[in-house]
C-alpha atoms as a PDB file:
ATOM      1  CA  MET A   1     214.350 140.983 166.444  1.00  0.00           C
ATOM      2  CA  THR A   2     213.814 144.570 165.278  1.00  0.00           C
ATOM      3  CA  VAL A   3     217.060 145.724 166.912  1.00  0.00           C
ATOM      4  CA  ARG A   4     219.261 142.803 165.777  1.00  0.00           C
ATOM      5  CA  THR A   5     218.151 142.983 162.075  1.00  0.00           C
ATOM      6  CA  PRO A   6     219.741 146.433 161.589  1.00  0.00           C
ATOM      7  CA  ARG A   7     222.822 145.370 163.245  1.00  0.00           C
ATOM      8  CA  LEU A   8     223.217 142.132 161.156  1.00  0.00           C
ATOM      9  CA  ALA A   9     222.621 144.247 158.128  1.00  0.00           C
ATOM     10  CA  ALA A  10     225.249 146.753 158.997  1.00  0.00           C
ATOM     11  CA  PHE A  11     227.462 143.934 159.812  1.00  0.00           C
ATOM     12  CA  ALA A  12     226.852 142.318 156.549  1.00  0.00           C
ATOM     13  CA  ARG A  13     227.540 145.606 154.679  1.00  0.00           C
ATOM     14  CA  ALA A  14     230.884 145.969 156.301  1.00  0.00           C
ATOM     15  CA  ALA A  15     231.999 142.308 156.124  1.00  0.00           C
ATOM     16  CA  LEU A  16     230.792 141.316 152.779  1.00  0.00           C
ATOM     17  CA  PRO A  17     232.862 143.384 150.533  1.00  0.00           C
ATOM     18  CA  PRO A  18     236.166 142.458 152.005  1.00  0.00           C
ATOM     19  CA  LEU A  19     235.264 138.780 152.376  1.00  0.00           C
ATOM     20  CA  SER A  20     234.018 138.466 148.831  1.00  0.00           C
ATOM     21  CA  LEU A  21     237.161 140.024 147.466  1.00  0.00           C
ATOM     22  CA  PHE A  22     239.242 137.480 149.643  1.00  0.00           C
ATOM     23  CA  VAL A  23     237.359 134.477 148.497  1.00  0.00           C
ATOM     24  CA  ALA A  24     237.498 135.687 144.894  1.00  0.00           C
ATOM     25  CA  GLY A  25     241.339 136.107 145.257  1.00  0.00           C
ATOM     26  CA  VAL A  26     241.721 132.556 146.743  1.00  0.00           C
ATOM     27  CA  LEU A  27     239.734 130.994 143.919  1.00  0.00           C
ATOM     28  CA  LEU A  28     241.575 132.886 141.328  1.00  0.00           C
ATOM     29  CA  TRP A  29     244.848 131.913 142.916  1.00  0.00           C
ATOM     30  CA  GLU A  30     243.711 128.196 143.083  1.00  0.00           C
ATOM     31  CA  ALA A  31     242.675 128.239 139.497  1.00  0.00           C
ATOM     32  CA  VAL A  32     245.823 129.807 138.139  1.00  0.00           C
ATOM     33  CA  VAL A  33     247.871 127.377 139.839  1.00  0.00           C
ATOM     34  CA  ARG A  34     245.847 124.451 138.650  1.00  0.00           C
ATOM     35  CA  VAL A  35     245.526 125.596 135.243  1.00  0.00           C
ATOM     36  CA  PHE A  36     248.928 126.720 134.393  1.00  0.00           C
ATOM     37  CA  GLU A  37     250.347 123.804 136.455  1.00  0.00           C
ATOM     38  CA  VAL A  38     252.656 126.043 138.513  1.00  0.00           C
ATOM     39  CA  PRO A  39     255.207 123.847 140.447  1.00  0.00           C
ATOM     40  CA  ARG A  40     254.337 123.682 144.175  1.00  0.00           C
ATOM     41  CA  PHE A  41     257.972 124.939 145.177  1.00  0.00           C
ATOM     42  CA  LEU A  42     257.258 128.202 143.253  1.00  0.00           C
ATOM     43  CA  LEU A  43     253.716 128.784 144.298  1.00  0.00           C
ATOM     44  CA  PRO A  44     251.612 126.332 146.366  1.00  0.00           C
ATOM     45  CA  ALA A  45     247.856 126.317 145.854  1.00  0.00           C
ATOM     46  CA  PRO A  46     245.631 127.685 148.698  1.00  0.00           C
ATOM     47  CA  SER A  47     244.372 124.052 149.223  1.00  0.00           C
ATOM     48  CA  VAL A  48     248.018 123.053 149.866  1.00  0.00           C
ATOM     49  CA  VAL A  49     248.667 125.894 152.304  1.00  0.00           C
ATOM     50  CA  ALA A  50     245.549 124.992 154.072  1.00  0.00           C
ATOM     51  CA  ALA A  51     246.370 121.302 154.332  1.00  0.00           C
ATOM     52  CA  ARG A  52     249.972 122.144 155.577  1.00  0.00           C
ATOM     53  CA  ILE A  53     248.432 124.394 158.369  1.00  0.00           C
ATOM     54  CA  ALA A  54     245.953 121.640 159.311  1.00  0.00           C
ATOM     55  CA  ALA A  55     248.798 119.175 159.517  1.00  0.00           C
ATOM     56  CA  ASP A  56     251.370 121.201 161.387  1.00  0.00           C
ATOM     57  CA  TRP A  57     248.785 123.329 163.438  1.00  0.00           C
ATOM     58  CA  ARG A  58     250.120 122.444 166.821  1.00  0.00           C
ATOM     59  CA  HIS A  59     253.703 123.373 165.890  1.00  0.00           C
ATOM     60  CA  MET A  60     252.607 126.482 164.215  1.00  0.00           C
ATOM     61  CA  ALA A  61     250.338 127.593 167.137  1.00  0.00           C
ATOM     62  CA  ASP A  62     253.204 127.292 169.522  1.00  0.00           C
ATOM     63  CA  ASN A  63     255.551 129.326 167.474  1.00  0.00           C
ATOM     64  CA  VAL A  64     253.106 132.092 166.496  1.00  0.00           C
ATOM     65  CA  GLY A  65     251.791 132.234 170.106  1.00  0.00           C
ATOM     66  CA  MET A  66     255.440 132.964 171.192  1.00  0.00           C
ATOM     67  CA  THR A  67     255.673 135.709 168.580  1.00  0.00           C
ATOM     68  CA  MET A  68     252.497 137.296 169.392  1.00  0.00           C
ATOM     69  CA  LEU A  69     253.498 137.252 173.276  1.00  0.00           C
ATOM     70  CA  ALA A  70     256.636 139.083 172.484  1.00  0.00           C
ATOM     71  CA  ALA A  71     254.910 141.431 170.044  1.00  0.00           C
ATOM     72  CA  SER A  72     252.212 142.305 172.680  1.00  0.00           C
ATOM     73  CA  LEU A  73     254.666 142.859 175.544  1.00  0.00           C
ATOM     74  CA  GLY A  74     256.822 144.995 173.273  1.00  0.00           C
ATOM     75  CA  PHE A  75     253.608 146.816 172.023  1.00  0.00           C
ATOM     76  CA  VAL A  76     252.489 147.656 175.534  1.00  0.00           C
ATOM     77  CA  THR A  77     256.055 148.539 176.705  1.00  0.00           C
ATOM     78  CA  GLY A  78     256.488 150.718 173.679  1.00  0.00           C
ATOM     79  CA  THR A  79     253.196 152.530 174.020  1.00  0.00           C
ATOM     80  CA  VAL A  80     253.571 153.286 177.808  1.00  0.00           C
ATOM     81  CA  ALA A  81     257.034 154.652 177.294  1.00  0.00           C
ATOM     82  CA  ALA A  82     255.848 156.947 174.517  1.00  0.00           C
ATOM     83  CA  CYS A  83     252.966 158.165 176.667  1.00  0.00           C
ATOM     84  CA  VAL A  84     255.252 158.973 179.472  1.00  0.00           C
ATOM     85  CA  ALA A  85     257.643 160.830 177.016  1.00  0.00           C
ATOM     86  CA  ALA A  86     254.732 162.662 175.617  1.00  0.00           C
ATOM     87  CA  VAL A  87     253.666 163.894 179.031  1.00  0.00           C
ATOM     88  CA  LEU A  88     257.136 165.023 179.806  1.00  0.00           C
ATOM     89  CA  PHE A  89     257.241 166.917 176.412  1.00  0.00           C
ATOM     90  CA  LEU A  90     254.079 168.520 177.392  1.00  0.00           C
ATOM     91  CA  TYR A  91     255.320 170.238 180.548  1.00  0.00           C
ATOM     92  CA  SER A  92     258.855 170.916 179.473  1.00  0.00           C
ATOM     93  CA  ARG A  93     259.783 172.204 176.102  1.00  0.00           C
ATOM     94  CA  SER A  94     263.589 171.651 177.110  1.00  0.00           C
ATOM     95  CA  LEU A  95     263.113 168.053 177.492  1.00  0.00           C
ATOM     96  CA  GLU A  96     261.356 167.892 174.054  1.00  0.00           C
ATOM     97  CA  ARG A  97     264.089 169.814 172.353  1.00  0.00           C
ATOM     98  CA  ALA A  98     266.709 167.633 173.775  1.00  0.00           C
ATOM     99  CA  PHE A  99     265.153 164.367 173.429  1.00  0.00           C
ATOM    100  CA  PHE A 100     262.944 164.539 170.321  1.00  0.00           C
ATOM    101  CA  PRO A 101     265.887 164.518 167.789  1.00  0.00           C
ATOM    102  CA  TRP A 102     266.979 161.321 169.432  1.00  0.00           C
ATOM    103  CA  ALA A 103     263.565 159.727 169.081  1.00  0.00           C
ATOM    104  CA  ILE A 104     263.799 160.573 165.241  1.00  0.00           C
ATOM    105  CA  ILE A 105     267.153 158.967 165.154  1.00  0.00           C
ATOM    106  CA  LEU A 106     265.892 155.846 166.854  1.00  0.00           C
ATOM    107  CA  LYS A 107     263.126 155.671 164.223  1.00  0.00           C
ATOM    108  CA  THR A 108     265.403 156.040 161.385  1.00  0.00           C
ATOM    109  CA  ILE A 109     267.840 153.370 162.379  1.00  0.00           C
ATOM    110  CA  PRO A 110     266.713 150.129 160.262  1.00  0.00           C
ATOM    111  CA  VAL A 111     265.484 147.398 162.469  1.00  0.00           C
ATOM    112  CA  LEU A 112     267.571 144.918 160.706  1.00  0.00           C
ATOM    113  CA  ALA A 113     270.660 146.839 161.685  1.00  0.00           C
ATOM    114  CA  ILE A 114     269.828 146.833 165.339  1.00  0.00           C
ATOM    115  CA  ALA A 115     268.175 143.596 165.829  1.00  0.00           C
ATOM    116  CA  PRO A 116     271.458 141.578 165.803  1.00  0.00           C
ATOM    117  CA  LEU A 117     273.030 144.002 168.337  1.00  0.00           C
ATOM    118  CA  LEU A 118     270.210 143.690 170.733  1.00  0.00           C
ATOM    119  CA  THR A 119     270.351 139.823 170.353  1.00  0.00           C
ATOM    120  CA  ILE A 120     274.003 140.090 171.356  1.00  0.00           C
ATOM    121  CA  TRP A 121     273.131 142.311 174.398  1.00  0.00           C
ATOM    122  CA  LEU A 122     269.899 140.645 175.463  1.00  0.00           C
ATOM    123  CA  GLY A 123     270.419 137.015 174.373  1.00  0.00           C
ATOM    124  CA  PHE A 124     268.318 134.851 172.292  1.00  0.00           C
ATOM    125  CA  GLY A 125     265.312 134.758 174.462  1.00  0.00           C
ATOM    126  CA  ILE A 126     262.166 136.963 174.334  1.00  0.00           C
ATOM    127  CA  ALA A 127     264.044 140.085 175.562  1.00  0.00           C
ATOM    128  CA  PRO A 128     265.270 141.253 172.071  1.00  0.00           C
ATOM    129  CA  LYS A 129     261.883 140.464 170.398  1.00  0.00           C
ATOM    130  CA  VAL A 130     260.012 142.664 173.099  1.00  0.00           C
ATOM    131  CA  ALA A 131     262.783 145.424 172.661  1.00  0.00           C
ATOM    132  CA  ILE A 132     262.552 145.557 168.916  1.00  0.00           C
ATOM    133  CA  ALA A 133     258.844 145.666 169.111  1.00  0.00           C
ATOM    134  CA  ALA A 134     258.731 148.270 171.569  1.00  0.00           C
ATOM    135  CA  ILE A 135     261.146 150.361 169.524  1.00  0.00           C
ATOM    136  CA  ALA A 136     258.822 149.973 166.431  1.00  0.00           C
ATOM    137  CA  CYS A 137     255.945 151.259 168.344  1.00  0.00           C
ATOM    138  CA  PHE A 138     257.570 154.052 170.168  1.00  0.00           C
ATOM    139  CA  PHE A 139     257.952 156.945 167.715  1.00  0.00           C
ATOM    140  CA  PRO A 140     254.435 156.933 165.994  1.00  0.00           C
ATOM    141  CA  THR A 141     252.715 156.803 169.452  1.00  0.00           C
ATOM    142  CA  LEU A 142     255.030 159.538 170.830  1.00  0.00           C
ATOM    143  CA  VAL A 143     254.103 161.702 167.932  1.00  0.00           C
ATOM    144  CA  ASN A 144     250.317 161.250 168.019  1.00  0.00           C
ATOM    145  CA  VAL A 145     250.051 161.401 171.892  1.00  0.00           C
ATOM    146  CA  THR A 146     252.101 164.672 172.010  1.00  0.00           C
ATOM    147  CA  ARG A 147     249.718 166.011 169.397  1.00  0.00           C
ATOM    148  CA  GLY A 148     246.583 164.795 171.208  1.00  0.00           C
ATOM    149  CA  LEU A 149     247.703 166.313 174.526  1.00  0.00           C
ATOM    150  CA  ARG A 150     248.171 169.835 172.816  1.00  0.00           C
ATOM    151  CA  SER A 151     245.029 169.579 170.822  1.00  0.00           C
ATOM    152  CA  LEU A 152     242.853 170.695 173.832  1.00  0.00           C
ATOM    153  CA  ASP A 153     240.095 172.954 172.706  1.00  0.00           C
ATOM    154  CA  ALA A 154     241.045 176.926 173.261  1.00  0.00           C
ATOM    155  CA  SER A 155     237.560 177.556 174.766  1.00  0.00           C
ATOM    156  CA  LEU A 156     237.988 174.633 177.247  1.00  0.00           C
ATOM    157  CA  LEU A 157     241.430 175.591 178.322  1.00  0.00           C
ATOM    158  CA  ASP A 158     240.211 179.195 178.883  1.00  0.00           C
ATOM    159  CA  PHE A 159     237.495 177.939 180.994  1.00  0.00           C
ATOM    160  CA  MET A 160     239.764 175.728 182.989  1.00  0.00           C
ATOM    161  CA  GLN A 161     241.908 178.785 183.445  1.00  0.00           C
ATOM    162  CA  VAL A 162     238.774 180.920 184.603  1.00  0.00           C
ATOM    163  CA  ILE A 163     237.761 178.456 187.405  1.00  0.00           C
ATOM    164  CA  GLN A 164     241.474 178.334 188.367  1.00  0.00           C
ATOM    165  CA  ALA A 165     241.707 174.578 187.862  1.00  0.00           C
ATOM    166  CA  PRO A 166     245.136 173.334 188.886  1.00  0.00           C
ATOM    167  CA  PRO A 167     247.414 171.698 186.190  1.00  0.00           C
ATOM    168  CA  LEU A 168     246.807 168.257 187.383  1.00  0.00           C
ATOM    169  CA  GLN A 169     243.038 168.662 187.022  1.00  0.00           C
ATOM    170  CA  VAL A 170     243.475 170.135 183.528  1.00  0.00           C
ATOM    171  CA  PHE A 171     245.484 167.118 182.536  1.00  0.00           C
ATOM    172  CA  TRP A 172     243.159 164.545 183.919  1.00  0.00           C
ATOM    173  CA  HIS A 173     239.809 166.035 183.030  1.00  0.00           C
ATOM    174  CA  ALA A 174     240.774 167.664 179.638  1.00  0.00           C
ATOM    175  CA  ARG A 175     243.932 166.887 178.065  1.00  0.00           C
ATOM    176  CA  LEU A 176     243.705 163.051 178.812  1.00  0.00           C
ATOM    177  CA  TYR A 177     240.399 162.991 176.885  1.00  0.00           C
ATOM    178  CA  ALA A 178     241.716 165.102 174.098  1.00  0.00           C
ATOM    179  CA  ALA A 179     244.767 162.653 173.607  1.00  0.00           C
ATOM    180  CA  ALA A 180     242.885 159.434 173.839  1.00  0.00           C
ATOM    181  CA  PRO A 181     241.581 159.209 170.333  1.00  0.00           C
ATOM    182  CA  TYR A 182     245.095 160.067 168.945  1.00  0.00           C
ATOM    183  CA  LEU A 183     246.610 157.364 171.185  1.00  0.00           C
ATOM    184  CA  PHE A 184     244.128 154.817 169.774  1.00  0.00           C
ATOM    185  CA  SER A 185     244.859 155.808 166.266  1.00  0.00           C
ATOM    186  CA  ALA A 186     248.423 155.353 167.015  1.00  0.00           C
ATOM    187  CA  MET A 187     247.870 151.877 168.523  1.00  0.00           C
ATOM    188  CA  LYS A 188     245.941 150.661 165.549  1.00  0.00           C
ATOM    189  CA  ILE A 189     248.930 151.478 163.444  1.00  0.00           C
ATOM    190  CA  THR A 190     251.743 150.108 165.844  1.00  0.00           C
ATOM    191  CA  VAL A 191     250.052 146.913 166.680  1.00  0.00           C
ATOM    192  CA  GLY A 192     251.097 145.374 163.304  1.00  0.00           C
ATOM    193  CA  MET A 193     254.499 147.193 163.418  1.00  0.00           C
ATOM    194  CA  ALA A 194     255.140 145.292 166.792  1.00  0.00           C
ATOM    195  CA  VAL A 195     254.474 141.959 165.145  1.00  0.00           C
ATOM    196  CA  ILE A 196     256.855 142.904 162.428  1.00  0.00           C
ATOM    197  CA  GLY A 197     259.416 143.959 164.886  1.00  0.00           C
ATOM    198  CA  ALA A 198     259.244 140.625 166.913  1.00  0.00           C
ATOM    199  CA  ILE A 199     259.423 138.565 163.681  1.00  0.00           C
ATOM    200  CA  VAL A 200     262.500 140.598 162.397  1.00  0.00           C
ATOM    201  CA  ALA A 201     264.249 139.963 165.958  1.00  0.00           C
ATOM    202  CA  GLU A 202     263.576 136.325 165.332  1.00  0.00           C
ATOM    203  CA  PHE A 203     265.409 136.279 162.090  1.00  0.00           C
ATOM    204  CA  THR A 204     268.612 137.349 163.673  1.00  0.00           C
ATOM    205  CA  GLY A 205     268.650 134.718 166.413  1.00  0.00           C
ATOM    206  CA  ALA A 206     265.779 132.772 168.186  1.00  0.00           C
ATOM    207  CA  ASN A 207     264.935 129.367 169.183  1.00  0.00           C
ATOM    208  CA  VAL A 208     261.280 129.566 168.836  1.00  0.00           C
ATOM    209  CA  GLY A 209     258.789 131.836 166.805  1.00  0.00           C
ATOM    210  CA  ILE A 210     257.178 132.231 163.550  1.00  0.00           C
ATOM    211  CA  GLY A 211     260.454 134.022 162.270  1.00  0.00           C
ATOM    212  CA  THR A 212     262.421 130.889 163.026  1.00  0.00           C
ATOM    213  CA  LEU A 213     259.838 128.876 161.020  1.00  0.00           C
ATOM    214  CA  ILE A 214     260.098 131.357 158.175  1.00  0.00           C
ATOM    215  CA  VAL A 215     263.910 131.352 158.068  1.00  0.00           C
ATOM    216  CA  ASN A 216     264.015 127.458 158.152  1.00  0.00           C
ATOM    217  CA  ALA A 217     261.511 127.291 155.481  1.00  0.00           C
ATOM    218  CA  GLY A 218     263.334 129.574 153.368  1.00  0.00           C
ATOM    219  CA  TYR A 219     266.535 127.737 153.911  1.00  0.00           C
ATOM    220  CA  GLN A 220     264.753 124.387 152.902  1.00  0.00           C
ATOM    221  CA  GLN A 221     262.848 126.184 149.926  1.00  0.00           C
ATOM    222  CA  ASP A 222     259.599 124.939 151.634  1.00  0.00           C
ATOM    223  CA  THR A 223     257.333 127.358 150.234  1.00  0.00           C
ATOM    224  CA  ALA A 224     254.211 125.766 151.524  1.00  0.00           C
ATOM    225  CA  MET A 225     255.436 126.458 155.127  1.00  0.00           C
ATOM    226  CA  LEU A 226     256.445 129.780 154.091  1.00  0.00           C
ATOM    227  CA  PHE A 227     252.904 130.566 152.840  1.00  0.00           C
ATOM    228  CA  SER A 228     251.442 128.815 156.011  1.00  0.00           C
ATOM    229  CA  ALA A 229     253.553 130.909 158.327  1.00  0.00           C
ATOM    230  CA  ILE A 230     252.628 134.132 156.538  1.00  0.00           C
ATOM    231  CA  THR A 231     248.794 133.206 156.650  1.00  0.00           C
ATOM    232  CA  VAL A 232     248.837 132.205 160.274  1.00  0.00           C
ATOM    233  CA  THR A 233     250.874 135.375 161.211  1.00  0.00           C
ATOM    234  CA  SER A 234     248.374 137.622 159.303  1.00  0.00           C
ATOM    235  CA  LEU A 235     245.428 136.121 160.917  1.00  0.00           C
ATOM    236  CA  ALA A 236     246.992 136.571 164.406  1.00  0.00           C
ATOM    237  CA  THR A 237     247.771 140.218 163.553  1.00  0.00           C
ATOM    238  CA  ILE A 238     244.260 140.707 162.401  1.00  0.00           C
ATOM    239  CA  VAL A 239     243.006 139.449 165.853  1.00  0.00           C
ATOM    240  CA  LEU A 240     245.397 141.832 167.765  1.00  0.00           C
ATOM    241  CA  PHE A 241     244.179 144.864 165.522  1.00  0.00           C
ATOM    242  CA  TYR A 242     240.494 144.226 166.277  1.00  0.00           C
ATOM    243  CA  LEU A 243     241.155 143.546 170.015  1.00  0.00           C
ATOM    244  CA  VAL A 244     242.724 147.126 169.887  1.00  0.00           C
ATOM    245  CA  THR A 245     239.674 148.492 168.011  1.00  0.00           C
ATOM    246  CA  ALA A 246     237.227 146.639 170.531  1.00  0.00           C
ATOM    247  CA  LEU A 247     239.327 148.484 173.415  1.00  0.00           C
ATOM    248  CA  GLU A 248     238.830 151.703 171.584  1.00  0.00           C
ATOM    249  CA  LYS A 249     235.108 151.244 171.192  1.00  0.00           C
ATOM    250  CA  LEU A 250     234.929 150.542 175.000  1.00  0.00           C
ATOM    251  CA  MET A 251     237.187 153.493 176.169  1.00  0.00           C
ATOM    252  CA  LEU A 252     236.084 156.105 173.949  1.00  0.00           C
ATOM    253  CA  PHE A 253     232.457 156.379 174.980  1.00  0.00           C
ATOM    254  CA  TRP A 254     231.738 159.981 174.973  1.00  0.00           C
ATOM    255  CA  PRO A 255     230.187 161.580 171.828  1.00  0.00           C
ATOM    256  CA  GLY A 256     232.484 162.553 169.087  1.00  0.00           C
ATOM    257  CA  ALA A 257     235.650 160.887 170.697  1.00  0.00           C
ATOM    258  CA  ARG A 258     236.522 158.593 167.817  1.00  0.00           C
ATOM    259  CA  LEU A 259     238.516 160.261 164.997  1.00  0.00           C
ATOM    260  CA  ASP A 260     237.250 157.773 162.295  1.00  0.00           C
ATOM    261  CA  ARG A 261     233.821 158.824 162.570  1.00  0.00           C
END
């Protein structure tokens, strides 16, 4: 009991402020809509949005599940590709000078501009959504992991050189640990970007996904469905974020590993 009480108190201190602000915002929204009699097609009340989610929950779950699957696959693909590129950049400055400008160019291209092109190339299935999500994740992860691999403490590097550790051992036992906090910092940023990328890909052509619900609701001026889709997508993205956070706490187990402390 003595162990659980401090944990519950710490959880309450962390969770109560955002939850209180959320509840206050929802109540204020509901009150404004009712007091000023705002038309439903302009701004539906939270109670209307909740009722719509409850009525169409199965249909919305199927669509948001497909979007989150594509976003997750793109997130993993983009993260792995960025880590591989960062390792290559670490050991070859020539490769970095050759390819890093192209990574910057890829980052600066608007997603809405390349999404239709990838849809033409890859079809209307899950492939273009995965590709867009991976592209959205690639550059931030590349920059962070490259910095992390090169952030090895000078004294530790000197020690590894004194004991004549081969480069592979330096990488596995030193550089990898130095880069891990930077990797997870990037992942917590890019997991939301992956969801946005998948939804944007669905805007340009898809048969299923939360993006198709948003597009169809926009054409029909169904604001209740728009807010419902936004709400469900936000909740699913929050779940993905906290899954990454839980993985970070599990993997970064050594003292001082996490950058947010």
